[in-house]
Amino acid sequence: MRATMFTTRLCWVLLWLAVCTSPLLSAASDDLVIAINKKGLGKEVVITQGLREWFMLVEVTPENTVIVRQEKERDTYLLDESETHDRPLAPTEVDAAINDYINSVKARVPKP
């Protein structure tokens, strides 16, 4: 019984630490938080820093590729653009486009 209570308390403490130190909860910090998700044959990336957000979606179909880029601060869009390529991008090209976008955001954001 005693070991079970200790284990339960330990689990709660570890869960509390994980939640409190999560980078997603540090939205007020100056660090960039980067999340990359697979979307079908493409990917999306969301980069946040405080109230600023950068978004890129690379949507790949068998016929073409659409790339959407957005940048906003609070609810105001500073950039909202898209481009269409007349062929599907290969997975390595999608990764390269995502990496280039992340690096361009990092280069434009002043260091804390």
Protein backbone atom coordinates (compact mmCIF):
# COMPACT_ATOMS: atom_id res chain seq x y z
CA MET A 1 0.00 0.00 0.00
CA ARG A 2 2.76 2.40 0.95
CA ALA A 3 4.68 1.75 -2.28
CA THR A 4 1.51 2.41 -4.29
CA MET A 5 0.96 5.78 -2.60
CA PHE A 6 4.59 6.74 -3.22
CA THR A 7 4.32 5.74 -6.87
CA THR A 8 1.08 7.67 -7.30
CA ARG A 9 2.56 10.80 -5.73
CA LEU A 10 5.69 10.46 -7.84
CA CYS A 11 3.59 10.20 -10.99
CA TRP A 12 1.64 13.33 -10.04
CA VAL A 13 4.84 15.27 -9.36
CA LEU A 14 6.37 14.18 -12.67
CA LEU A 15 3.17 15.08 -14.53
CA TRP A 16 3.07 18.48 -12.84
CA LEU A 17 6.71 19.13 -13.78
CA ALA A 18 6.11 18.10 -17.37
CA VAL A 19 3.14 20.43 -17.70
CA CYS A 20 4.77 23.38 -15.97
CA THR A 21 7.98 23.16 -17.97
CA SER A 22 6.33 22.51 -21.32
CA PRO A 23 7.58 24.86 -24.08
CA LEU A 24 4.03 25.22 -25.34
CA LEU A 25 3.04 26.90 -22.09
CA SER A 26 5.88 29.41 -22.24
CA ALA A 27 4.15 31.55 -24.86
CA ALA A 28 5.27 34.73 -23.14
CA SER A 29 8.92 33.83 -23.49
CA ASP A 30 11.21 35.08 -26.23
CA ASP A 31 12.11 31.59 -27.41
CA LEU A 32 10.76 30.26 -30.68
CA VAL A 33 8.47 27.25 -30.31
CA ILE A 34 8.44 25.15 -33.48
CA ALA A 35 5.85 22.45 -34.24
CA ILE A 36 6.00 20.41 -37.45
CA ASN A 37 3.15 18.09 -38.45
CA LYS A 38 2.69 15.79 -41.41
CA LYS A 39 -0.35 16.65 -43.54
CA GLY A 40 -1.05 14.02 -46.16
CA LEU A 41 1.92 14.05 -48.54
CA GLY A 42 3.02 17.47 -47.26
CA LYS A 43 3.74 19.13 -43.95
CA GLU A 44 2.85 22.17 -41.90
CA VAL A 45 4.97 24.17 -39.51
CA VAL A 46 3.79 26.58 -36.83
CA ILE A 47 6.38 28.79 -35.17
CA THR A 48 5.39 30.94 -32.21
CA GLN A 49 7.14 33.54 -30.14
CA GLY A 50 4.99 35.26 -27.58
CA LEU A 51 2.10 36.82 -29.51
CA ARG A 52 3.72 36.32 -32.93
CA GLU A 53 3.02 33.31 -35.12
CA TRP A 54 4.46 32.08 -38.40
CA PHE A 55 2.68 29.36 -40.36
CA MET A 56 3.64 27.40 -43.45
CA LEU A 57 1.66 24.65 -45.13
CA VAL A 58 3.06 22.59 -47.98
CA GLU A 59 0.11 20.71 -49.48
CA VAL A 60 1.13 18.08 -52.03
CA THR A 61 -1.32 16.40 -54.40
CA PRO A 62 -0.56 14.11 -57.34
CA GLU A 63 -1.09 17.09 -59.69
CA ASN A 64 0.57 20.03 -57.91
CA THR A 65 1.90 21.58 -54.72
CA VAL A 66 0.46 24.58 -52.89
CA ILE A 67 2.58 26.44 -50.35
CA VAL A 68 0.86 28.83 -47.94
CA ARG A 69 2.82 31.23 -45.72
CA GLN A 70 1.27 33.39 -43.02
CA GLU A 71 2.64 35.63 -40.34
CA LYS A 72 0.55 37.29 -37.70
CA GLU A 73 0.85 39.23 -34.51
CA ARG A 74 -2.10 38.70 -32.20
CA ASP A 75 -5.04 38.71 -34.64
CA THR A 76 -3.41 40.90 -37.31
CA TYR A 77 -1.98 39.20 -40.38
CA LEU A 78 1.32 40.73 -41.44
CA LEU A 79 1.80 38.30 -44.32
CA ASP A 80 -0.62 35.99 -46.10
CA GLU A 81 0.66 34.54 -49.37
CA SER A 82 0.51 31.35 -51.35
CA GLU A 83 2.18 29.88 -54.38
CA THR A 84 1.27 26.95 -56.60
CA HIS A 85 3.76 24.64 -58.30
CA ASP A 86 2.62 22.65 -61.31
CA ARG A 87 4.09 19.39 -60.00
CA PRO A 88 4.10 17.49 -56.72
CA LEU A 89 7.17 18.14 -54.62
CA ALA A 90 9.21 15.14 -53.52
CA PRO A 91 9.43 14.49 -49.77
CA THR A 92 13.02 15.80 -49.70
CA GLU A 93 11.86 19.01 -51.42
CA VAL A 94 9.07 19.44 -48.84
CA ASP A 95 11.58 19.00 -46.02
CA ALA A 96 13.96 21.48 -47.66
CA ALA A 97 11.18 24.07 -48.06
CA ILE A 98 10.16 23.66 -44.40
CA ASN A 99 13.78 23.91 -43.20
CA ASP A 100 14.39 27.01 -45.33
CA TYR A 101 11.28 28.64 -43.88
CA ILE A 102 12.29 27.87 -40.29
CA ASN A 103 15.78 29.23 -40.91
CA SER A 104 14.38 32.41 -42.52
CA VAL A 105 12.15 33.04 -39.50
CA LYS A 106 15.06 32.42 -37.14
CA ALA A 107 17.22 34.87 -39.11
CA ARG A 108 14.54 37.62 -39.01
CA VAL A 109 13.67 37.33 -35.32
CA PRO A 110 15.91 39.36 -33.01
CA LYS A 111 17.69 37.33 -30.35
CA PRO A 112 16.51 37.90 -26.76
